[in-house]
Amino acid sequence: MLTFIKFGGSAITDKQGQEAPDMPVIQALAADVQAALAVRSDNTLLLGHGSGSFGHSYAAQYGIHRGLDASANWMGFALTAAAALRLNRIIVDALLAAGVPALSLQPSASLASAAGKLVNWQIEPICRALDHKLVPVIHGDVAFDTMQGSAIISTEALFTHVALNTPLRPARIVLVGENAVYTADPHRHTGAEPIPLITEKNIGLVLHGTESSHAVDVTGGMRSKLELMWQLVQAIPQLEIHLIGPTSGLLARVLQGEAAGEGTVIRRA
């Protein structure tokens, strides 16, 4: 079973800090991945992560997501890419230490976008890694953009491209970040309630009530993520998407099919 997993930047870093990884959470998630692989040998995983307090702060400071023209100072582009890679190295090293055969693959080496939208990405290395039972680890990254010079391509956008434009069709996607999708931003509204299931019956209301991230996020926050995931659910009818928090052991339960009633599930019907 092919599963895409994202470690959200808000889960693995303090997004309001500066390059502040949450090592206990990263190590716990790595242990969950290893435990799931040990129990179910048929699990095939593509793992991605956000940039959190590493890449987002540089991208926002230099406006990488809004675009850079030819005369701009492109140092910010390089700093953003380097910060994302530093976090990627931390995560891959934690996975390797847990016994997961993780392989870092930098998206920006072959990304191309237009007007901020991903248009091309060479994924053959991902396919070869999966053929050899490795766990490719990608991340949201900078991209050269044919219309606005530069762009930021989120992990969700990378997953969407792979799922819709390549033979790698996931059976499920697991997003590790907030504990669930809520009726309002739980960081701002104490009365926000978790939404256990999102289908075509309530997706409109959910999107209407969804706000952007409470921290620096140049990829659009929760609403953008939900819109991309709903696009996938519509295109792949059997796909199930699970949004969960970083509680130790929960990711392993989801990967083993033992997390009914936890987090938020998105499916077509």
C-alpha atoms as a PDB file:
ATOM      1  CA  MET A   1       0.000   0.000   0.000  1.00  0.00           C
ATOM      2  CA  LEU A   2       1.459   3.337  -1.063  1.00  0.00           C
ATOM      3  CA  THR A   3       1.093   6.034   1.591  1.00  0.00           C
ATOM      4  CA  PHE A   4       2.199   9.654   1.472  1.00  0.00           C
ATOM      5  CA  ILE A   5       3.096  11.113   4.884  1.00  0.00           C
ATOM      6  CA  LYS A   6       3.760  14.731   5.722  1.00  0.00           C
ATOM      7  CA  PHE A   7       5.382  15.943   8.922  1.00  0.00           C
ATOM      8  CA  GLY A   8       3.904  19.437   9.209  1.00  0.00           C
ATOM      9  CA  GLY A   9       6.224  22.325   9.960  1.00  0.00           C
ATOM     10  CA  SER A  10       4.062  23.346  12.930  1.00  0.00           C
ATOM     11  CA  ALA A  11       4.494  19.864  14.419  1.00  0.00           C
ATOM     12  CA  ILE A  12       8.239  19.411  14.013  1.00  0.00           C
ATOM     13  CA  THR A  13       9.392  22.978  14.733  1.00  0.00           C
ATOM     14  CA  ASP A  14       8.409  26.017  16.727  1.00  0.00           C
ATOM     15  CA  LYS A  15       7.129  28.033  13.756  1.00  0.00           C
ATOM     16  CA  GLN A  16       7.285  31.268  15.735  1.00  0.00           C
ATOM     17  CA  GLY A  17      10.962  30.690  16.555  1.00  0.00           C
ATOM     18  CA  GLN A  18      14.000  30.691  14.289  1.00  0.00           C
ATOM     19  CA  GLU A  19      15.283  27.300  13.094  1.00  0.00           C
ATOM     20  CA  ALA A  20      13.870  25.612  16.188  1.00  0.00           C
ATOM     21  CA  PRO A  21      13.370  21.865  15.632  1.00  0.00           C
ATOM     22  CA  ASP A  22      11.279  19.912  18.108  1.00  0.00           C
ATOM     23  CA  MET A  23      13.597  16.929  18.462  1.00  0.00           C
ATOM     24  CA  PRO A  24      11.369  14.834  20.794  1.00  0.00           C
ATOM     25  CA  VAL A  25       8.498  15.060  18.277  1.00  0.00           C
ATOM     26  CA  ILE A  26      10.768  14.321  15.302  1.00  0.00           C
ATOM     27  CA  GLN A  27      12.264  11.306  17.046  1.00  0.00           C
ATOM     28  CA  ALA A  28       8.840  10.028  18.126  1.00  0.00           C
ATOM     29  CA  LEU A  29       7.503  10.303  14.562  1.00  0.00           C
ATOM     30  CA  ALA A  30      10.578   8.508  13.243  1.00  0.00           C
ATOM     31  CA  ALA A  31       9.982   5.713  15.732  1.00  0.00           C
ATOM     32  CA  ASP A  32       6.338   5.492  14.614  1.00  0.00           C
ATOM     33  CA  VAL A  33       7.401   5.120  10.976  1.00  0.00           C
ATOM     34  CA  GLN A  34       9.842   2.361  11.893  1.00  0.00           C
ATOM     35  CA  ALA A  35       7.231   0.565  13.995  1.00  0.00           C
ATOM     36  CA  ALA A  36       4.701   0.634  11.161  1.00  0.00           C
ATOM     37  CA  LEU A  37       7.223  -0.690   8.639  1.00  0.00           C
ATOM     38  CA  ALA A  38       8.187  -3.477  11.029  1.00  0.00           C
ATOM     39  CA  VAL A  39       4.572  -4.583  11.494  1.00  0.00           C
ATOM     40  CA  ARG A  40       3.400  -4.238   7.877  1.00  0.00           C
ATOM     41  CA  SER A  41       5.998  -5.037   5.242  1.00  0.00           C
ATOM     42  CA  ASP A  42       3.547  -4.014   2.490  1.00  0.00           C
ATOM     43  CA  ASN A  43       3.729  -0.367   3.581  1.00  0.00           C
ATOM     44  CA  THR A  44       5.406   1.713   0.878  1.00  0.00           C
ATOM     45  CA  LEU A  45       6.043   5.257   2.035  1.00  0.00           C
ATOM     46  CA  LEU A  46       6.802   8.606   0.442  1.00  0.00           C
ATOM     47  CA  LEU A  47       7.575  11.005   3.261  1.00  0.00           C
ATOM     48  CA  GLY A  48       7.564  14.786   3.065  1.00  0.00           C
ATOM     49  CA  HIS A  49       7.835  17.602   5.556  1.00  0.00           C
ATOM     50  CA  GLY A  50       7.195  21.298   5.867  1.00  0.00           C
ATOM     51  CA  SER A  51       9.876  23.898   6.577  1.00  0.00           C
ATOM     52  CA  GLY A  52       8.375  25.397   9.717  1.00  0.00           C
ATOM     53  CA  SER A  53      10.673  27.875  11.439  1.00  0.00           C
ATOM     54  CA  PHE A  54      13.475  27.009   9.011  1.00  0.00           C
ATOM     55  CA  GLY A  55      12.400  27.920   5.480  1.00  0.00           C
ATOM     56  CA  HIS A  56       9.225  29.946   6.059  1.00  0.00           C
ATOM     57  CA  SER A  57      10.893  32.839   7.854  1.00  0.00           C
ATOM     58  CA  TYR A  58      13.465  33.384   5.086  1.00  0.00           C
ATOM     59  CA  ALA A  59      10.839  32.992   2.366  1.00  0.00           C
ATOM     60  CA  ALA A  60       8.596  35.574   4.028  1.00  0.00           C
ATOM     61  CA  GLN A  61      11.472  37.975   4.690  1.00  0.00           C
ATOM     62  CA  TYR A  62      12.641  37.967   1.072  1.00  0.00           C
ATOM     63  CA  GLY A  63       9.256  37.475  -0.614  1.00  0.00           C
ATOM     64  CA  ILE A  64      10.288  34.321  -2.440  1.00  0.00           C
ATOM     65  CA  HIS A  65       6.674  33.123  -2.705  1.00  0.00           C
ATOM     66  CA  ARG A  66       5.598  36.401  -4.318  1.00  0.00           C
ATOM     67  CA  GLY A  67       8.309  36.201  -6.970  1.00  0.00           C
ATOM     68  CA  LEU A  68      11.710  37.753  -7.694  1.00  0.00           C
ATOM     69  CA  ASP A  69      12.613  39.532 -10.906  1.00  0.00           C
ATOM     70  CA  ALA A  70      15.969  39.266 -12.638  1.00  0.00           C
ATOM     71  CA  SER A  71      17.355  42.389 -10.930  1.00  0.00           C
ATOM     72  CA  ALA A  72      16.400  41.273  -7.405  1.00  0.00           C
ATOM     73  CA  ASN A  73      18.804  40.087  -4.735  1.00  0.00           C
ATOM     74  CA  TRP A  74      18.493  36.307  -4.991  1.00  0.00           C
ATOM     75  CA  MET A  75      20.390  35.650  -1.757  1.00  0.00           C
ATOM     76  CA  GLY A  76      17.036  35.025  -0.065  1.00  0.00           C
ATOM     77  CA  PHE A  77      16.247  32.270  -2.552  1.00  0.00           C
ATOM     78  CA  ALA A  78      19.495  30.504  -1.615  1.00  0.00           C
ATOM     79  CA  LEU A  79      18.980  31.066   2.118  1.00  0.00           C
ATOM     80  CA  THR A  80      15.453  29.623   1.970  1.00  0.00           C
ATOM     81  CA  ALA A  81      16.616  26.515   0.118  1.00  0.00           C
ATOM     82  CA  ALA A  82      19.516  26.021   2.530  1.00  0.00           C
ATOM     83  CA  ALA A  83      17.263  26.323   5.592  1.00  0.00           C
ATOM     84  CA  ALA A  84      14.837  23.718   4.222  1.00  0.00           C
ATOM     85  CA  LEU A  85      17.762  21.380   3.612  1.00  0.00           C
ATOM     86  CA  ARG A  86      19.047  21.824   7.175  1.00  0.00           C
ATOM     87  CA  LEU A  87      15.708  20.669   8.547  1.00  0.00           C
ATOM     88  CA  ASN A  88      15.577  17.847   6.010  1.00  0.00           C
ATOM     89  CA  ARG A  89      18.949  16.603   7.229  1.00  0.00           C
ATOM     90  CA  ILE A  90      17.733  16.603  10.842  1.00  0.00           C
ATOM     91  CA  ILE A  91      14.650  14.575   9.920  1.00  0.00           C
ATOM     92  CA  VAL A  92      16.473  12.090   7.701  1.00  0.00           C
ATOM     93  CA  ASP A  93      19.123  11.519  10.355  1.00  0.00           C
ATOM     94  CA  ALA A  94      16.400  10.863  12.950  1.00  0.00           C
ATOM     95  CA  LEU A  95      14.716   8.371  10.622  1.00  0.00           C
ATOM     96  CA  LEU A  96      18.000   6.589   9.937  1.00  0.00           C
ATOM     97  CA  ALA A  97      18.756   6.435  13.663  1.00  0.00           C
ATOM     98  CA  ALA A  98      15.342   4.784  14.169  1.00  0.00           C
ATOM     99  CA  GLY A  99      16.134   2.150  11.550  1.00  0.00           C
ATOM    100  CA  VAL A 100      14.124   3.639   8.647  1.00  0.00           C
ATOM    101  CA  PRO A 101      15.939   3.453   5.258  1.00  0.00           C
ATOM    102  CA  ALA A 102      15.348   7.149   4.555  1.00  0.00           C
ATOM    103  CA  LEU A 103      16.806   8.868   1.497  1.00  0.00           C
ATOM    104  CA  SER A 104      16.867  12.656   1.150  1.00  0.00           C
ATOM    105  CA  LEU A 105      15.762  13.936  -2.277  1.00  0.00           C
ATOM    106  CA  GLN A 106      15.852  17.704  -2.850  1.00  0.00           C
ATOM    107  CA  PRO A 107      12.856  18.813  -4.960  1.00  0.00           C
ATOM    108  CA  SER A 108      14.274  22.158  -6.146  1.00  0.00           C
ATOM    109  CA  ALA A 109      16.974  20.384  -8.144  1.00  0.00           C
ATOM    110  CA  SER A 110      14.344  19.610 -10.793  1.00  0.00           C
ATOM    111  CA  LEU A 111      11.259  21.708  -9.972  1.00  0.00           C
ATOM    112  CA  ALA A 112       9.715  24.114 -12.471  1.00  0.00           C
ATOM    113  CA  SER A 113       6.721  26.353 -11.812  1.00  0.00           C
ATOM    114  CA  ALA A 114       4.668  29.043 -13.547  1.00  0.00           C
ATOM    115  CA  ALA A 115       2.786  31.780 -11.669  1.00  0.00           C
ATOM    116  CA  GLY A 116       3.449  29.923  -8.424  1.00  0.00           C
ATOM    117  CA  LYS A 117       2.021  26.606  -9.671  1.00  0.00           C
ATOM    118  CA  LEU A 118       4.099  23.453 -10.099  1.00  0.00           C
ATOM    119  CA  VAL A 119       4.295  22.451 -13.775  1.00  0.00           C
ATOM    120  CA  ASN A 120       7.142  19.946 -13.913  1.00  0.00           C
ATOM    121  CA  TRP A 121       9.147  17.771 -11.534  1.00  0.00           C
ATOM    122  CA  GLN A 122      11.407  14.846 -12.331  1.00  0.00           C
ATOM    123  CA  ILE A 123      10.381  12.049  -9.968  1.00  0.00           C
ATOM    124  CA  GLU A 124      12.368   9.127 -11.389  1.00  0.00           C
ATOM    125  CA  PRO A 125      14.696   9.097  -8.341  1.00  0.00           C
ATOM    126  CA  ILE A 126      11.615   8.717  -6.114  1.00  0.00           C
ATOM    127  CA  CYS A 127      10.407   5.768  -8.181  1.00  0.00           C
ATOM    128  CA  ARG A 128      13.826   4.096  -8.079  1.00  0.00           C
ATOM    129  CA  ALA A 129      14.056   4.616  -4.310  1.00  0.00           C
ATOM    130  CA  LEU A 130      10.646   3.001  -3.799  1.00  0.00           C
ATOM    131  CA  ASP A 131      11.693   0.097  -6.050  1.00  0.00           C
ATOM    132  CA  HIS A 132      14.554  -0.550  -3.624  1.00  0.00           C
ATOM    133  CA  LYS A 133      12.339  -0.368  -0.506  1.00  0.00           C
ATOM    134  CA  LEU A 134      13.791   2.978   0.535  1.00  0.00           C
ATOM    135  CA  VAL A 135      11.736   5.794   2.041  1.00  0.00           C
ATOM    136  CA  PRO A 136      12.239   8.961  -0.052  1.00  0.00           C
ATOM    137  CA  VAL A 137      12.112  12.120   2.054  1.00  0.00           C
ATOM    138  CA  ILE A 138      11.124  15.315   0.221  1.00  0.00           C
ATOM    139  CA  HIS A 139      10.127  18.755   1.475  1.00  0.00           C
ATOM    140  CA  GLY A 140       8.481  22.004   0.514  1.00  0.00           C
ATOM    141  CA  ASP A 141      11.053  23.922  -1.507  1.00  0.00           C
ATOM    142  CA  VAL A 142      11.944  26.881  -3.668  1.00  0.00           C
ATOM    143  CA  ALA A 143      11.421  26.702  -7.420  1.00  0.00           C
ATOM    144  CA  PHE A 144      12.464  28.712 -10.454  1.00  0.00           C
ATOM    145  CA  ASP A 145       9.293  30.161 -11.931  1.00  0.00           C
ATOM    146  CA  THR A 146       8.910  31.037 -15.606  1.00  0.00           C
ATOM    147  CA  MET A 147       6.450  33.875 -14.935  1.00  0.00           C
ATOM    148  CA  GLN A 148       7.376  35.398 -11.576  1.00  0.00           C
ATOM    149  CA  GLY A 149      10.997  34.342 -11.202  1.00  0.00           C
ATOM    150  CA  SER A 150      10.681  32.395  -7.971  1.00  0.00           C
ATOM    151  CA  ALA A 151       8.072  30.432  -6.048  1.00  0.00           C
ATOM    152  CA  ILE A 152       7.589  28.220  -3.026  1.00  0.00           C
ATOM    153  CA  ILE A 153       6.104  24.794  -3.722  1.00  0.00           C
ATOM    154  CA  SER A 154       4.516  23.177  -0.672  1.00  0.00           C
ATOM    155  CA  THR A 155       4.759  19.515   0.242  1.00  0.00           C
ATOM    156  CA  GLU A 156       1.032  19.174  -0.422  1.00  0.00           C
ATOM    157  CA  ALA A 157       1.546  20.566  -3.936  1.00  0.00           C
ATOM    158  CA  LEU A 158       4.350  18.052  -4.501  1.00  0.00           C
ATOM    159  CA  PHE A 159       2.105  15.210  -3.296  1.00  0.00           C
ATOM    160  CA  THR A 160      -0.705  16.435  -5.555  1.00  0.00           C
ATOM    161  CA  HIS A 161       1.571  16.517  -8.590  1.00  0.00           C
ATOM    162  CA  VAL A 162       2.844  13.002  -7.953  1.00  0.00           C
ATOM    163  CA  ALA A 163      -0.633  11.590  -7.349  1.00  0.00           C
ATOM    164  CA  LEU A 164      -2.249  13.175 -10.405  1.00  0.00           C
ATOM    165  CA  ASN A 165       0.554  13.156 -12.974  1.00  0.00           C
ATOM    166  CA  THR A 166       2.572   9.992 -12.356  1.00  0.00           C
ATOM    167  CA  PRO A 167       1.910   6.265 -11.860  1.00  0.00           C
ATOM    168  CA  LEU A 168       2.406   6.692  -8.092  1.00  0.00           C
ATOM    169  CA  ARG A 169      -1.209   6.736  -6.916  1.00  0.00           C
ATOM    170  CA  PRO A 170      -1.474   6.759  -3.111  1.00  0.00           C
ATOM    171  CA  ALA A 171      -4.100   4.733  -1.273  1.00  0.00           C
ATOM    172  CA  ARG A 172      -3.879   7.149   1.645  1.00  0.00           C
ATOM    173  CA  ILE A 173      -2.230  10.366   2.737  1.00  0.00           C
ATOM    174  CA  VAL A 174      -1.407  11.155   6.353  1.00  0.00           C
ATOM    175  CA  LEU A 175      -0.831  14.785   7.350  1.00  0.00           C
ATOM    176  CA  VAL A 176       0.748  15.194  10.780  1.00  0.00           C
ATOM    177  CA  GLY A 177       0.166  18.660  12.205  1.00  0.00           C
ATOM    178  CA  GLU A 178      -2.961  19.883  13.956  1.00  0.00           C
ATOM    179  CA  ASN A 179      -4.846  17.291  16.006  1.00  0.00           C
ATOM    180  CA  ALA A 180      -7.767  17.573  13.571  1.00  0.00           C
ATOM    181  CA  VAL A 181      -9.534  19.998  11.271  1.00  0.00           C
ATOM    182  CA  TYR A 182     -11.644  22.295  13.442  1.00  0.00           C
ATOM    183  CA  THR A 183     -14.730  24.424  12.968  1.00  0.00           C
ATOM    184  CA  ALA A 184     -12.460  27.438  13.582  1.00  0.00           C
ATOM    185  CA  ASP A 185      -8.784  28.016  14.318  1.00  0.00           C
ATOM    186  CA  PRO A 186      -8.327  26.346  17.736  1.00  0.00           C
ATOM    187  CA  HIS A 187      -5.403  28.664  18.484  1.00  0.00           C
ATOM    188  CA  ARG A 188      -7.711  31.669  18.249  1.00  0.00           C
ATOM    189  CA  HIS A 189     -11.154  30.336  19.175  1.00  0.00           C
ATOM    190  CA  THR A 190     -11.571  28.389  22.414  1.00  0.00           C
ATOM    191  CA  GLY A 191     -14.941  27.028  21.254  1.00  0.00           C
ATOM    192  CA  ALA A 192     -13.563  25.408  18.091  1.00  0.00           C
ATOM    193  CA  GLU A 193     -14.748  21.817  17.670  1.00  0.00           C
ATOM    194  CA  PRO A 194     -12.927  18.998  15.818  1.00  0.00           C
ATOM    195  CA  ILE A 195     -14.495  17.714  12.606  1.00  0.00           C
ATOM    196  CA  PRO A 196     -14.073  13.913  12.507  1.00  0.00           C
ATOM    197  CA  LEU A 197     -15.116  13.400   8.876  1.00  0.00           C
ATOM    198  CA  ILE A 198     -15.045  15.601   5.779  1.00  0.00           C
ATOM    199  CA  THR A 199     -16.904  14.482   2.645  1.00  0.00           C
ATOM    200  CA  GLU A 200     -18.691  16.141  -0.250  1.00  0.00           C
ATOM    201  CA  LYS A 201     -21.579  16.800   2.151  1.00  0.00           C
ATOM    202  CA  ASN A 202     -19.670  19.283   4.328  1.00  0.00           C
ATOM    203  CA  ILE A 203     -16.510  20.314   2.460  1.00  0.00           C
ATOM    204  CA  GLY A 204     -18.000  23.680   1.473  1.00  0.00           C
ATOM    205  CA  LEU A 205     -18.817  24.598   5.065  1.00  0.00           C
ATOM    206  CA  VAL A 206     -15.424  23.388   6.267  1.00  0.00           C
ATOM    207  CA  LEU A 207     -13.533  25.510   3.735  1.00  0.00           C
ATOM    208  CA  HIS A 208     -15.694  28.525   4.534  1.00  0.00           C
ATOM    209  CA  GLY A 209     -14.757  28.279   8.200  1.00  0.00           C
ATOM    210  CA  THR A 210     -11.065  27.584   7.704  1.00  0.00           C
ATOM    211  CA  GLU A 211      -8.563  30.328   8.397  1.00  0.00           C
ATOM    212  CA  SER A 212      -4.891  30.687   7.523  1.00  0.00           C
ATOM    213  CA  SER A 213      -2.064  29.551   9.788  1.00  0.00           C
ATOM    214  CA  HIS A 214      -1.527  31.386  13.070  1.00  0.00           C
ATOM    215  CA  ALA A 215       2.236  31.521  12.402  1.00  0.00           C
ATOM    216  CA  VAL A 216       4.383  32.436   9.416  1.00  0.00           C
ATOM    217  CA  ASP A 217       3.308  30.210   6.528  1.00  0.00           C
ATOM    218  CA  VAL A 218       4.066  31.230   2.937  1.00  0.00           C
ATOM    219  CA  THR A 219       2.173  28.242   1.503  1.00  0.00           C
ATOM    220  CA  GLY A 220      -1.315  29.341   2.534  1.00  0.00           C
ATOM    221  CA  GLY A 221      -2.035  27.566   5.805  1.00  0.00           C
ATOM    222  CA  MET A 222      -4.806  25.068   6.502  1.00  0.00           C
ATOM    223  CA  ARG A 223      -7.271  26.277   3.856  1.00  0.00           C
ATOM    224  CA  SER A 224      -4.749  25.834   1.046  1.00  0.00           C
ATOM    225  CA  LYS A 225      -3.878  22.360   2.326  1.00  0.00           C
ATOM    226  CA  LEU A 226      -7.529  21.312   2.476  1.00  0.00           C
ATOM    227  CA  GLU A 227      -8.221  22.611  -1.026  1.00  0.00           C
ATOM    228  CA  LEU A 228      -5.329  20.600  -2.451  1.00  0.00           C
ATOM    229  CA  MET A 229      -6.326  17.470  -0.544  1.00  0.00           C
ATOM    230  CA  TRP A 230      -9.955  17.767  -1.673  1.00  0.00           C
ATOM    231  CA  GLN A 231      -8.727  18.057  -5.260  1.00  0.00           C
ATOM    232  CA  LEU A 232      -6.977  14.720  -4.766  1.00  0.00           C
ATOM    233  CA  VAL A 233      -9.992  13.039  -3.191  1.00  0.00           C
ATOM    234  CA  GLN A 234     -12.118  14.075  -6.152  1.00  0.00           C
ATOM    235  CA  ALA A 235      -9.571  12.734  -8.640  1.00  0.00           C
ATOM    236  CA  ILE A 236      -8.825   9.470  -6.784  1.00  0.00           C
ATOM    237  CA  PRO A 237     -12.174   8.143  -5.508  1.00  0.00           C
ATOM    238  CA  GLN A 238     -10.737   5.492  -3.163  1.00  0.00           C
ATOM    239  CA  LEU A 239      -8.194   7.822  -1.553  1.00  0.00           C
ATOM    240  CA  GLU A 240      -8.457   8.448   2.189  1.00  0.00           C
ATOM    241  CA  ILE A 241      -6.674  11.336   3.870  1.00  0.00           C
ATOM    242  CA  HIS A 242      -6.034  11.377   7.606  1.00  0.00           C
ATOM    243  CA  LEU A 243      -5.090  14.554   9.491  1.00  0.00           C
ATOM    244  CA  ILE A 244      -3.641  13.913  12.932  1.00  0.00           C
ATOM    245  CA  GLY A 245      -1.548  15.499  15.645  1.00  0.00           C
ATOM    246  CA  PRO A 246       2.020  14.479  16.520  1.00  0.00           C
ATOM    247  CA  THR A 247       1.086  12.473  19.629  1.00  0.00           C
ATOM    248  CA  SER A 248       3.573   9.646  20.071  1.00  0.00           C
ATOM    249  CA  GLY A 249       2.193   6.356  18.740  1.00  0.00           C
ATOM    250  CA  LEU A 250      -0.689   7.889  16.764  1.00  0.00           C
ATOM    251  CA  LEU A 251       1.064   7.852  13.383  1.00  0.00           C
ATOM    252  CA  ALA A 252       1.946   4.192  13.889  1.00  0.00           C
ATOM    253  CA  ARG A 253      -1.700   3.391  14.664  1.00  0.00           C
ATOM    254  CA  VAL A 254      -2.878   5.203  11.542  1.00  0.00           C
ATOM    255  CA  LEU A 255      -0.367   3.346   9.360  1.00  0.00           C
ATOM    256  CA  GLN A 256      -1.508   0.064  10.893  1.00  0.00           C
ATOM    257  CA  GLY A 257      -5.197   0.906  10.390  1.00  0.00           C
ATOM    258  CA  GLU A 258      -5.876   1.141  14.128  1.00  0.00           C
ATOM    259  CA  ALA A 259      -6.779   4.825  14.608  1.00  0.00           C
ATOM    260  CA  ALA A 260     -10.540   4.929  14.036  1.00  0.00           C
ATOM    261  CA  GLY A 261     -12.081   8.047  15.541  1.00  0.00           C
ATOM    262  CA  GLU A 262      -8.795   9.924  15.931  1.00  0.00           C
ATOM    263  CA  GLY A 263      -8.047  13.098  13.982  1.00  0.00           C
ATOM    264  CA  THR A 264      -9.964  14.032  10.836  1.00  0.00           C
ATOM    265  CA  VAL A 265     -10.590  11.767   7.852  1.00  0.00           C
ATOM    266  CA  ILE A 266     -11.238  13.208   4.389  1.00  0.00           C
ATOM    267  CA  ARG A 267     -12.827  10.982   1.790  1.00  0.00           C
ATOM    268  CA  ARG A 268     -15.149  11.445  -1.142  1.00  0.00           C
ATOM    269  CA  ALA A 269     -18.277  10.039   0.510  1.00  0.00           C
END
